[in-house]
């Protein structure tokens, strides 16, 4: 159980620090920062895989699964938000003008 205390402590501290950092971001900056943070969430996925590789108990597997689900959700969500943000800057196609008869 002592060997598991250190990873759980790191996990809890990461949650607290992440919450503290995100809560200080103004709403106008949240979308651009989320789109730029996809690489960080990729690191979370790799960390979850490393935890799963070393896990010997169900708690380790559960923490790894939760980390990978949250990381994957954030990566996909970041790309969706980025795509929506970029769609706002594209010009809308204009309808062709009708020819005047007569």
PDB file of N, CA and C in Angstrom:
ATOM      1  N   UNK A   1       0.830  -1.197   0.000  1.00  0.00           N
ATOM      2  CA  UNK A   1       0.000   0.000   0.000  1.00  0.00           C
ATOM      3  C   UNK A   1       0.866   1.250   0.000  1.00  0.00           C
ATOM      4  N   UNK A   2       2.039   1.193   0.604  1.00  0.00           N
ATOM      5  CA  UNK A   2       2.927   2.358   0.654  1.00  0.00           C
ATOM      6  C   UNK A   2       3.409   2.730  -0.740  1.00  0.00           C
ATOM      7  N   UNK A   3       3.652   1.740  -1.587  1.00  0.00           N
ATOM      8  CA  UNK A   3       4.107   2.014  -2.951  1.00  0.00           C
ATOM      9  C   UNK A   3       3.021   2.713  -3.755  1.00  0.00           C
ATOM     10  N   UNK A   4       1.771   2.507  -3.409  1.00  0.00           N
ATOM     11  CA  UNK A   4       0.663   3.130  -4.121  1.00  0.00           C
ATOM     12  C   UNK A   4       0.376   4.541  -3.620  1.00  0.00           C
ATOM     13  N   UNK A   5       0.849   4.885  -2.441  1.00  0.00           N
ATOM     14  CA  UNK A   5       0.587   6.198  -1.855  1.00  0.00           C
ATOM     15  C   UNK A   5       1.217   7.319  -2.671  1.00  0.00           C
ATOM     16  N   UNK A   6       2.420   7.125  -3.174  1.00  0.00           N
ATOM     17  CA  UNK A   6       3.099   8.164  -3.955  1.00  0.00           C
ATOM     18  C   UNK A   6       2.348   8.479  -5.257  1.00  0.00           C
ATOM     19  N   UNK A   7       1.969   7.489  -6.077  1.00  0.00           N
ATOM     20  CA  UNK A   7       1.209   7.824  -7.299  1.00  0.00           C
ATOM     21  C   UNK A   7      -0.140   8.475  -7.015  1.00  0.00           C
ATOM     22  N   UNK A   8      -0.823   8.037  -5.946  1.00  0.00           N
ATOM     23  CA  UNK A   8      -2.108   8.654  -5.600  1.00  0.00           C
ATOM     24  C   UNK A   8      -1.889  10.100  -5.170  1.00  0.00           C
ATOM     25  N   UNK A   9      -0.831  10.366  -4.429  1.00  0.00           N
ATOM     26  CA  UNK A   9      -0.515  11.734  -4.011  1.00  0.00           C
ATOM     27  C   UNK A   9      -0.249  12.617  -5.226  1.00  0.00           C
ATOM     28  N   UNK A  10       0.518  12.127  -6.184  1.00  0.00           N
ATOM     29  CA  UNK A  10       0.793  12.877  -7.410  1.00  0.00           C
ATOM     30  C   UNK A  10      -0.505  13.133  -8.169  1.00  0.00           C
ATOM     31  N   UNK A  11      -1.369  12.130  -8.255  1.00  0.00           N
ATOM     32  CA  UNK A  11      -2.649  12.262  -8.952  1.00  0.00           C
ATOM     33  C   UNK A  11      -3.517  13.340  -8.311  1.00  0.00           C
ATOM     34  N   UNK A  12      -3.636  13.324  -6.990  1.00  0.00           N
ATOM     35  CA  UNK A  12      -4.459  14.309  -6.277  1.00  0.00           C
ATOM     36  C   UNK A  12      -3.863  15.710  -6.428  1.00  0.00           C
ATOM     37  N   UNK A  13      -2.546  15.831  -6.308  1.00  0.00           N
ATOM     38  CA  UNK A  13      -1.914  17.136  -6.484  1.00  0.00           C
ATOM     39  C   UNK A  13      -2.105  17.659  -7.904  1.00  0.00           C
ATOM     40  N   UNK A  14      -2.039  16.783  -8.895  1.00  0.00           N
ATOM     41  CA  UNK A  14      -2.262  17.198 -10.285  1.00  0.00           C
ATOM     42  C   UNK A  14      -3.685  17.709 -10.486  1.00  0.00           C
ATOM     43  N   UNK A  15      -4.649  17.061  -9.848  1.00  0.00           N
ATOM     44  CA  UNK A  15      -6.038  17.520  -9.932  1.00  0.00           C
ATOM     45  C   UNK A  15      -6.174  18.905  -9.316  1.00  0.00           C
ATOM     46  N   UNK A  16      -5.596  19.102  -8.129  1.00  0.00           N
ATOM     47  CA  UNK A  16      -5.707  20.390  -7.451  1.00  0.00           C
ATOM     48  C   UNK A  16      -5.017  21.512  -8.224  1.00  0.00           C
ATOM     49  N   UNK A  17      -3.825  21.251  -8.723  1.00  0.00           N
ATOM     50  CA  UNK A  17      -3.094  22.270  -9.486  1.00  0.00           C
ATOM     51  C   UNK A  17      -3.825  22.570 -10.790  1.00  0.00           C
ATOM     52  N   UNK A  18      -4.304  21.547 -11.471  1.00  0.00           N
ATOM     53  CA  UNK A  18      -5.041  21.755 -12.710  1.00  0.00           C
ATOM     54  C   UNK A  18      -6.298  22.577 -12.504  1.00  0.00           C
ATOM     55  N   UNK A  19      -7.036  22.278 -11.453  1.00  0.00           N
ATOM     56  CA  UNK A  19      -8.247  23.051 -11.146  1.00  0.00           C
ATOM     57  C   UNK A  19      -7.895  24.500 -10.843  1.00  0.00           C
ATOM     58  N   UNK A  20      -6.852  24.710 -10.080  1.00  0.00           N
ATOM     59  CA  UNK A  20      -6.440  26.070  -9.714  1.00  0.00           C
ATOM     60  C   UNK A  20      -6.013  26.868 -10.942  1.00  0.00           C
ATOM     61  N   UNK A  21      -5.276  26.258 -11.838  1.00  0.00           N
ATOM     62  CA  UNK A  21      -4.804  26.958 -13.038  1.00  0.00           C
ATOM     63  C   UNK A  21      -5.972  27.276 -13.971  1.00  0.00           C
ATOM     64  N   UNK A  22      -6.832  26.308 -14.217  1.00  0.00           N
ATOM     65  CA  UNK A  22      -7.949  26.508 -15.145  1.00  0.00           C
ATOM     66  C   UNK A  22      -8.948  27.509 -14.596  1.00  0.00           C
ATOM     67  N   UNK A  23      -9.171  27.518 -13.307  1.00  0.00           N
ATOM     68  CA  UNK A  23     -10.157  28.451 -12.752  1.00  0.00           C
ATOM     69  C   UNK A  23      -9.706  29.906 -12.851  1.00  0.00           C
ATOM     70  N   UNK A  24      -8.422  30.150 -13.047  1.00  0.00           N
ATOM     71  CA  UNK A  24      -7.910  31.519 -13.169  1.00  0.00           C
ATOM     72  C   UNK A  24      -7.912  32.031 -14.610  1.00  0.00           C
ATOM     73  N   UNK A  25      -8.252  31.197 -15.582  1.00  0.00           N
ATOM     74  CA  UNK A  25      -8.234  31.602 -16.985  1.00  0.00           C
ATOM     75  C   UNK A  25      -9.539  32.324 -17.312  1.00  0.00           C
ATOM     76  N   UNK A  26      -9.453  33.539 -17.883  1.00  0.00           N
ATOM     77  CA  UNK A  26     -10.683  34.231 -18.284  1.00  0.00           C
ATOM     78  C   UNK A  26     -11.403  33.481 -19.408  1.00  0.00           C
ATOM     79  N   UNK A  27     -12.705  33.670 -19.490  1.00  0.00           N
ATOM     80  CA  UNK A  27     -13.509  32.944 -20.476  1.00  0.00           C
ATOM     81  C   UNK A  27     -13.077  33.259 -21.909  1.00  0.00           C
ATOM     82  N   UNK A  28     -12.609  34.467 -22.161  1.00  0.00           N
ATOM     83  CA  UNK A  28     -12.212  34.838 -23.527  1.00  0.00           C
ATOM     84  C   UNK A  28     -10.954  34.107 -23.975  1.00  0.00           C
ATOM     85  N   UNK A  29     -10.143  33.645 -23.047  1.00  0.00           N
ATOM     86  CA  UNK A  29      -8.917  32.932 -23.404  1.00  0.00           C
ATOM     87  C   UNK A  29      -9.060  31.417 -23.350  1.00  0.00           C
ATOM     88  N   UNK A  30     -10.173  30.937 -22.839  1.00  0.00           N
ATOM     89  CA  UNK A  30     -10.302  29.499 -22.609  1.00  0.00           C
ATOM     90  C   UNK A  30     -10.253  28.695 -23.907  1.00  0.00           C
ATOM     91  N   UNK A  31     -10.977  29.130 -24.943  1.00  0.00           N
ATOM     92  CA  UNK A  31     -11.011  28.368 -26.193  1.00  0.00           C
ATOM     93  C   UNK A  31      -9.649  28.320 -26.880  1.00  0.00           C
ATOM     94  N   UNK A  32      -8.947  29.448 -27.052  1.00  0.00           N
ATOM     95  CA  UNK A  32      -7.613  29.348 -27.674  1.00  0.00           C
ATOM     96  C   UNK A  32      -6.633  28.511 -26.852  1.00  0.00           C
ATOM     97  N   UNK A  33      -6.701  28.598 -25.534  1.00  0.00           N
ATOM     98  CA  UNK A  33      -5.801  27.804 -24.712  1.00  0.00           C
ATOM     99  C   UNK A  33      -6.147  26.318 -24.794  1.00  0.00           C
ATOM    100  N   UNK A  34      -7.422  26.012 -24.896  1.00  0.00           N
ATOM    101  CA  UNK A  34      -7.826  24.603 -24.985  1.00  0.00           C
ATOM    102  C   UNK A  34      -7.319  23.990 -26.280  1.00  0.00           C
ATOM    103  N   UNK A  35      -7.376  24.763 -27.355  1.00  0.00           N
ATOM    104  CA  UNK A  35      -6.906  24.209 -28.622  1.00  0.00           C
ATOM    105  C   UNK A  35      -5.394  24.019 -28.605  1.00  0.00           C
ATOM    106  N   UNK A  36      -4.685  24.840 -27.860  1.00  0.00           N
ATOM    107  CA  UNK A  36      -3.231  24.700 -27.778  1.00  0.00           C
ATOM    108  C   UNK A  36      -2.770  23.668 -26.774  1.00  0.00           C
ATOM    109  N   UNK A  37      -3.674  23.176 -25.955  1.00  0.00           N
ATOM    110  CA  UNK A  37      -3.298  22.249 -24.891  1.00  0.00           C
ATOM    111  C   UNK A  37      -3.431  20.788 -25.287  1.00  0.00           C
ATOM    112  N   UNK A  38      -3.715  20.498 -26.550  1.00  0.00           N
ATOM    113  CA  UNK A  38      -3.879  19.102 -26.963  1.00  0.00           C
ATOM    114  C   UNK A  38      -2.621  18.282 -26.733  1.00  0.00           C
ATOM    115  N   UNK A  39      -1.457  18.886 -26.890  1.00  0.00           N
ATOM    116  CA  UNK A  39      -0.222  18.128 -26.664  1.00  0.00           C
ATOM    117  C   UNK A  39      -0.076  17.750 -25.194  1.00  0.00           C
ATOM    118  N   UNK A  40      -0.524  18.611 -24.308  1.00  0.00           N
ATOM    119  CA  UNK A  40      -0.450  18.296 -22.874  1.00  0.00           C
ATOM    120  C   UNK A  40      -1.341  17.100 -22.557  1.00  0.00           C
ATOM    121  N   UNK A  41      -2.520  17.046 -23.161  1.00  0.00           N
ATOM    122  CA  UNK A  41      -3.420  15.927 -22.911  1.00  0.00           C
ATOM    123  C   UNK A  41      -2.893  14.644 -23.539  1.00  0.00           C
ATOM    124  N   UNK A  42      -2.118  14.793 -24.611  1.00  0.00           N
ATOM    125  CA  UNK A  42      -1.441  13.618 -25.169  1.00  0.00           C
ATOM    126  C   UNK A  42      -0.446  13.046 -24.183  1.00  0.00           C
ATOM    127  N   UNK A  43       0.207  13.918 -23.431  1.00  0.00           N
ATOM    128  CA  UNK A  43       1.147  13.472 -22.403  1.00  0.00           C
ATOM    129  C   UNK A  43       0.383  12.745 -21.287  1.00  0.00           C
ATOM    130  N   UNK A  44      -0.813  13.218 -20.977  1.00  0.00           N
ATOM    131  CA  UNK A  44      -1.649  12.536 -19.976  1.00  0.00           C
ATOM    132  C   UNK A  44      -1.974  11.115 -20.448  1.00  0.00           C
ATOM    133  N   UNK A  45      -2.262  10.970 -21.739  1.00  0.00           N
ATOM    134  CA  UNK A  45      -2.534   9.627 -22.280  1.00  0.00           C
ATOM    135  C   UNK A  45      -1.320   8.717 -22.128  1.00  0.00           C
ATOM    136  N   UNK A  46      -0.146   9.238 -22.449  1.00  0.00           N
ATOM    137  CA  UNK A  46       1.079   8.441 -22.307  1.00  0.00           C
ATOM    138  C   UNK A  46       1.312   8.090 -20.837  1.00  0.00           C
ATOM    139  N   UNK A  47       1.077   9.043 -19.940  1.00  0.00           N
ATOM    140  CA  UNK A  47       1.221   8.771 -18.506  1.00  0.00           C
ATOM    141  C   UNK A  47       0.270   7.686 -18.039  1.00  0.00           C
ATOM    142  N   UNK A  48      -0.964   7.710 -18.528  1.00  0.00           N
ATOM    143  CA  UNK A  48      -1.930   6.658 -18.185  1.00  0.00           C
ATOM    144  C   UNK A  48      -1.476   5.293 -18.669  1.00  0.00           C
ATOM    145  N   UNK A  49      -0.870   5.271 -19.856  1.00  0.00           N
ATOM    146  CA  UNK A  49      -0.352   4.000 -20.376  1.00  0.00           C
ATOM    147  C   UNK A  49       0.815   3.488 -19.538  1.00  0.00           C
ATOM    148  N   UNK A  50       1.675   4.405 -19.093  1.00  0.00           N
ATOM    149  CA  UNK A  50       2.800   3.999 -18.246  1.00  0.00           C
ATOM    150  C   UNK A  50       2.325   3.478 -16.896  1.00  0.00           C
ATOM    151  N   UNK A  51       1.292   4.118 -16.347  1.00  0.00           N
ATOM    152  CA  UNK A  51       0.731   3.639 -15.081  1.00  0.00           C
ATOM    153  C   UNK A  51       0.137   2.243 -15.277  1.00  0.00           C
ATOM    154  N   UNK A  52      -0.565   2.041 -16.389  1.00  0.00           N
ATOM    155  CA  UNK A  52      -1.180   0.736 -16.653  1.00  0.00           C
ATOM    156  C   UNK A  52      -0.119  -0.338 -16.846  1.00  0.00           C
ATOM    157  N   UNK A  53       1.016   0.025 -17.446  1.00  0.00           N
ATOM    158  CA  UNK A  53       2.076  -0.957 -17.675  1.00  0.00           C
ATOM    159  C   UNK A  53       2.705  -1.431 -16.369  1.00  0.00           C
ATOM    160  N   UNK A  54       2.778  -0.545 -15.377  1.00  0.00           N
ATOM    161  CA  UNK A  54       3.401  -0.893 -14.098  1.00  0.00           C
ATOM    162  C   UNK A  54       2.397  -1.340 -13.034  1.00  0.00           C
ATOM    163  N   UNK A  55       1.116  -1.255 -13.328  1.00  0.00           N
ATOM    164  CA  UNK A  55       0.096  -1.556 -12.321  1.00  0.00           C
ATOM    165  C   UNK A  55       0.069  -3.048 -12.004  1.00  0.00           C
ATOM    166  N   UNK A  56      -0.118  -3.325 -10.731  1.00  0.00           N
ATOM    167  CA  UNK A  56      -0.253  -4.713 -10.285  1.00  0.00           C
ATOM    168  C   UNK A  56      -1.556  -4.932  -9.520  1.00  0.00           C
ATOM    169  N   UNK A  57      -2.238  -3.840  -9.180  1.00  0.00           N
ATOM    170  CA  UNK A  57      -3.482  -3.929  -8.430  1.00  0.00           C
ATOM    171  C   UNK A  57      -4.592  -3.235  -9.209  1.00  0.00           C
ATOM    172  N   UNK A  58      -5.817  -3.481  -8.800  1.00  0.00           N
ATOM    173  CA  UNK A  58      -6.977  -2.914  -9.487  1.00  0.00           C
ATOM    174  C   UNK A  58      -7.010  -1.393  -9.366  1.00  0.00           C
ATOM    175  N   UNK A  59      -6.495  -0.841  -8.273  1.00  0.00           N
ATOM    176  CA  UNK A  59      -6.489   0.613  -8.100  1.00  0.00           C
ATOM    177  C   UNK A  59      -5.604   1.268  -9.156  1.00  0.00           C
ATOM    178  N   UNK A  60      -4.463   0.683  -9.437  1.00  0.00           N
ATOM    179  CA  UNK A  60      -3.569   1.211 -10.465  1.00  0.00           C
ATOM    180  C   UNK A  60      -4.199   1.157 -11.841  1.00  0.00           C
ATOM    181  N   UNK A  61      -4.856   0.048 -12.154  1.00  0.00           N
ATOM    182  CA  UNK A  61      -5.549  -0.070 -13.430  1.00  0.00           C
ATOM    183  C   UNK A  61      -6.687   0.950 -13.538  1.00  0.00           C
ATOM    184  N   UNK A  62      -7.394   1.150 -12.436  1.00  0.00           N
ATOM    185  CA  UNK A  62      -8.502   2.096 -12.435  1.00  0.00           C
ATOM    186  C   UNK A  62      -7.993   3.516 -12.651  1.00  0.00           C
ATOM    187  N   UNK A  63      -6.926   3.903 -11.945  1.00  0.00           N
ATOM    188  CA  UNK A  63      -6.354   5.240 -12.136  1.00  0.00           C
ATOM    189  C   UNK A  63      -5.856   5.432 -13.566  1.00  0.00           C
ATOM    190  N   UNK A  64      -5.233   4.417 -14.111  1.00  0.00           N
ATOM    191  CA  UNK A  64      -4.755   4.501 -15.494  1.00  0.00           C
ATOM    192  C   UNK A  64      -5.927   4.657 -16.457  1.00  0.00           C
ATOM    193  N   UNK A  65      -6.985   3.898 -16.235  1.00  0.00           N
ATOM    194  CA  UNK A  65      -8.156   3.990 -17.103  1.00  0.00           C
ATOM    195  C   UNK A  65      -8.781   5.377 -17.027  1.00  0.00           C
ATOM    196  N   UNK A  66      -8.935   5.900 -15.818  1.00  0.00           N
ATOM    197  CA  UNK A  66      -9.528   7.233 -15.642  1.00  0.00           C
ATOM    198  C   UNK A  66      -8.658   8.297 -16.316  1.00  0.00           C
ATOM    199  N   UNK A  67      -7.346   8.206 -16.139  1.00  0.00           N
ATOM    200  CA  UNK A  67      -6.440   9.169 -16.764  1.00  0.00           C
ATOM    201  C   UNK A  67      -6.536   9.108 -18.284  1.00  0.00           C
ATOM    202  N   UNK A  68      -6.605   7.908 -18.834  1.00  0.00           N
ATOM    203  CA  UNK A  68      -6.679   7.779 -20.296  1.00  0.00           C
ATOM    204  C   UNK A  68      -8.025   8.258 -20.834  1.00  0.00           C
ATOM    205  N   UNK A  69      -9.110   7.988 -20.121  1.00  0.00           N
ATOM    206  CA  UNK A  69     -10.426   8.464 -20.569  1.00  0.00           C
ATOM    207  C   UNK A  69     -10.469   9.991 -20.543  1.00  0.00           C
ATOM    208  N   UNK A  70     -10.007  10.597 -19.434  1.00  0.00           N
ATOM    209  CA  UNK A  70     -10.007  12.059 -19.350  1.00  0.00           C
ATOM    210  C   UNK A  70      -9.081  12.673 -20.389  1.00  0.00           C
ATOM    211  N   UNK A  71      -7.916  12.100 -20.575  1.00  0.00           N
ATOM    212  CA  UNK A  71      -6.971  12.622 -21.561  1.00  0.00           C
ATOM    213  C   UNK A  71      -7.528  12.531 -22.968  1.00  0.00           C
ATOM    214  N   UNK A  72      -8.114  11.389 -23.316  1.00  0.00           N
ATOM    215  CA  UNK A  72      -8.681  11.218 -24.659  1.00  0.00           C
ATOM    216  C   UNK A  72      -9.861  12.158 -24.881  1.00  0.00           C
ATOM    217  N   UNK A  73     -10.688  12.328 -23.853  1.00  0.00           N
ATOM    218  CA  UNK A  73     -11.817  13.249 -23.962  1.00  0.00           C
ATOM    219  C   UNK A  73     -11.337  14.672 -24.202  1.00  0.00           C
ATOM    220  N   UNK A  74     -10.305  15.080 -23.503  1.00  0.00           N
ATOM    221  CA  UNK A  74      -9.776  16.429 -23.681  1.00  0.00           C
ATOM    222  C   UNK A  74      -9.121  16.614 -25.042  1.00  0.00           C
ATOM    223  N   UNK A  75      -8.422  15.614 -25.532  1.00  0.00           N
ATOM    224  CA  UNK A  75      -7.798  15.720 -26.856  1.00  0.00           C
ATOM    225  C   UNK A  75      -8.874  15.864 -27.931  1.00  0.00           C
ATOM    226  N   UNK A  76      -9.875  14.992 -27.908  1.00  0.00           N
ATOM    227  CA  UNK A  76     -10.941  15.052 -28.910  1.00  0.00           C
ATOM    228  C   UNK A  76     -11.720  16.359 -28.771  1.00  0.00           C
ATOM    229  N   UNK A  77     -12.051  16.736 -27.556  1.00  0.00           N
ATOM    230  CA  UNK A  77     -12.765  17.996 -27.332  1.00  0.00           C
ATOM    231  C   UNK A  77     -11.973  19.197 -27.804  1.00  0.00           C
ATOM    232  N   UNK A  78     -10.673  19.185 -27.588  1.00  0.00           N
ATOM    233  CA  UNK A  78      -9.829  20.288 -28.046  1.00  0.00           C
ATOM    234  C   UNK A  78      -9.836  20.428 -29.552  1.00  0.00           C
ATOM    235  N   UNK A  79      -9.776  19.300 -30.255  1.00  0.00           N
ATOM    236  CA  UNK A  79      -9.816  19.370 -31.720  1.00  0.00           C
ATOM    237  C   UNK A  79     -11.188  19.804 -32.218  1.00  0.00           C
ATOM    238  N   UNK A  80     -12.257  19.380 -31.563  1.00  0.00           N
ATOM    239  CA  UNK A  80     -13.604  19.793 -31.967  1.00  0.00           C
ATOM    240  C   UNK A  80     -13.774  21.296 -31.767  1.00  0.00           C
ATOM    241  N   UNK A  81     -13.335  21.798 -30.616  1.00  0.00           N
ATOM    242  CA  UNK A  81     -13.448  23.230 -30.346  1.00  0.00           C
ATOM    243  C   UNK A  81     -12.591  24.028 -31.322  1.00  0.00           C
ATOM    244  N   UNK A  82     -11.395  23.550 -31.608  1.00  0.00           N
ATOM    245  CA  UNK A  82     -10.525  24.238 -32.568  1.00  0.00           C
ATOM    246  C   UNK A  82     -11.174  24.274 -33.938  1.00  0.00           C
ATOM    247  N   UNK A  83     -11.768  23.172 -34.366  1.00  0.00           N
ATOM    248  CA  UNK A  83     -12.431  23.140 -35.665  1.00  0.00           C
ATOM    249  C   UNK A  83     -13.593  24.120 -35.717  1.00  0.00           C
ATOM    250  N   UNK A  84     -14.390  24.159 -34.671  1.00  0.00           N
ATOM    251  CA  UNK A  84     -15.507  25.112 -34.631  1.00  0.00           C
ATOM    252  C   UNK A  84     -15.004  26.540 -34.654  1.00  0.00           C
ATOM    253  N   UNK A  85     -13.921  26.799 -33.939  1.00  0.00           N
ATOM    254  CA  UNK A  85     -13.362  28.143 -33.901  1.00  0.00           C
ATOM    255  C   UNK A  85     -12.853  28.548 -35.287  1.00  0.00           C
ATOM    256  N   UNK A  86     -12.200  27.631 -35.988  1.00  0.00           N
ATOM    257  CA  UNK A  86     -11.694  27.938 -37.324  1.00  0.00           C
ATOM    258  C   UNK A  86     -12.822  28.096 -38.335  1.00  0.00           C
ATOM    259  N   UNK A  87     -13.929  27.388 -38.152  1.00  0.00           N
ATOM    260  CA  UNK A  87     -15.074  27.536 -39.053  1.00  0.00           C
ATOM    261  C   UNK A  87     -15.664  28.944 -38.988  1.00  0.00           C
ATOM    262  N   UNK A  88     -15.534  29.610 -37.851  1.00  0.00           N
ATOM    263  CA  UNK A  88     -16.063  30.970 -37.719  1.00  0.00           C
ATOM    264  C   UNK A  88     -15.314  31.951 -38.617  1.00  0.00           C
ATOM    265  N   UNK A  89     -14.080  31.664 -38.966  1.00  0.00           N
ATOM    266  CA  UNK A  89     -13.276  32.588 -39.748  1.00  0.00           C
ATOM    267  C   UNK A  89     -13.322  32.308 -41.246  1.00  0.00           C
ATOM    268  N   UNK A  90     -13.982  31.236 -41.663  1.00  0.00           N
ATOM    269  CA  UNK A  90     -14.095  30.934 -43.091  1.00  0.00           C
ATOM    270  C   UNK A  90     -15.203  31.768 -43.702  1.00  0.00           C
ATOM    271  N   UNK A  91     -14.980  32.204 -44.939  1.00  0.00           N
ATOM    272  CA  UNK A  91     -16.008  32.963 -45.643  1.00  0.00           C
ATOM    273  C   UNK A  91     -17.120  32.025 -46.083  1.00  0.00           C
ATOM    274  N   UNK A  92     -18.331  32.502 -45.933  1.00  0.00           N
ATOM    275  CA  UNK A  92     -19.476  31.704 -46.361  1.00  0.00           C
ATOM    276  C   UNK A  92     -19.629  31.833 -47.869  1.00  0.00           C
ATOM    277  N   UNK A  93     -19.977  30.746 -48.538  1.00  0.00           N
ATOM    278  CA  UNK A  93     -20.167  30.843 -49.988  1.00  0.00           C
ATOM    279  C   UNK A  93     -21.358  31.718 -50.314  1.00  0.00           C
ATOM    280  N   UNK A  94     -21.193  32.527 -51.354  1.00  0.00           N
ATOM    281  CA  UNK A  94     -22.301  33.405 -51.749  1.00  0.00           C
ATOM    282  C   UNK A  94     -23.074  32.735 -52.874  1.00  0.00           C
ATOM    283  N   UNK A  95     -24.352  32.979 -52.889  1.00  0.00           N
ATOM    284  CA  UNK A  95     -25.202  32.408 -53.932  1.00  0.00           C
ATOM    285  C   UNK A  95     -24.956  33.155 -55.236  1.00  0.00           C
ATOM    286  N   UNK A  96     -24.979  32.443 -56.359  1.00  0.00           N
ATOM    287  CA  UNK A  96     -24.767  33.131 -57.644  1.00  0.00           C
ATOM    288  C   UNK A  96     -25.924  34.097 -57.927  1.00  0.00           C
ATOM    289  N   UNK A  97     -25.590  35.214 -58.555  1.00  0.00           N
ATOM    290  CA  UNK A  97     -26.604  36.236 -58.844  1.00  0.00           C
ATOM    291  C   UNK A  97     -27.524  35.752 -59.972  1.00  0.00           C
ATOM    292  N   UNK A  98     -28.794  36.011 -59.818  1.00  0.00           N
ATOM    293  CA  UNK A  98     -29.752  35.639 -60.861  1.00  0.00           C
ATOM    294  C   UNK A  98     -29.653  36.638 -62.004  1.00  0.00           C
ATOM    295  N   UNK A  99     -29.699  36.119 -63.202  1.00  0.00           N
ATOM    296  CA  UNK A  99     -29.609  36.988 -64.375  1.00  0.00           C
ATOM    297  C   UNK A  99     -30.949  37.672 -64.609  1.00  0.00           C
ATOM    298  N   UNK A 100     -30.869  38.939 -64.957  1.00  0.00           N
ATOM    299  CA  UNK A 100     -32.097  39.698 -65.230  1.00  0.00           C
ATOM    300  C   UNK A 100     -32.596  39.384 -66.637  1.00  0.00           C
ATOM    301  N   UNK A 101     -33.881  39.067 -66.738  1.00  0.00           N
ATOM    302  CA  UNK A 101     -34.456  38.759 -68.050  1.00  0.00           C
ATOM    303  C   UNK A 101     -35.033  40.035 -68.661  1.00  0.00           C
ATOM    304  N   UNK A 102     -34.757  40.163 -69.918  1.00  0.00           N
ATOM    305  CA  UNK A 102     -35.406  41.100 -70.605  1.00  0.00           C
ATOM    306  C   UNK A 102     -35.385  42.302 -71.148  1.00  0.00           C
TER     307      UNK A 102
END
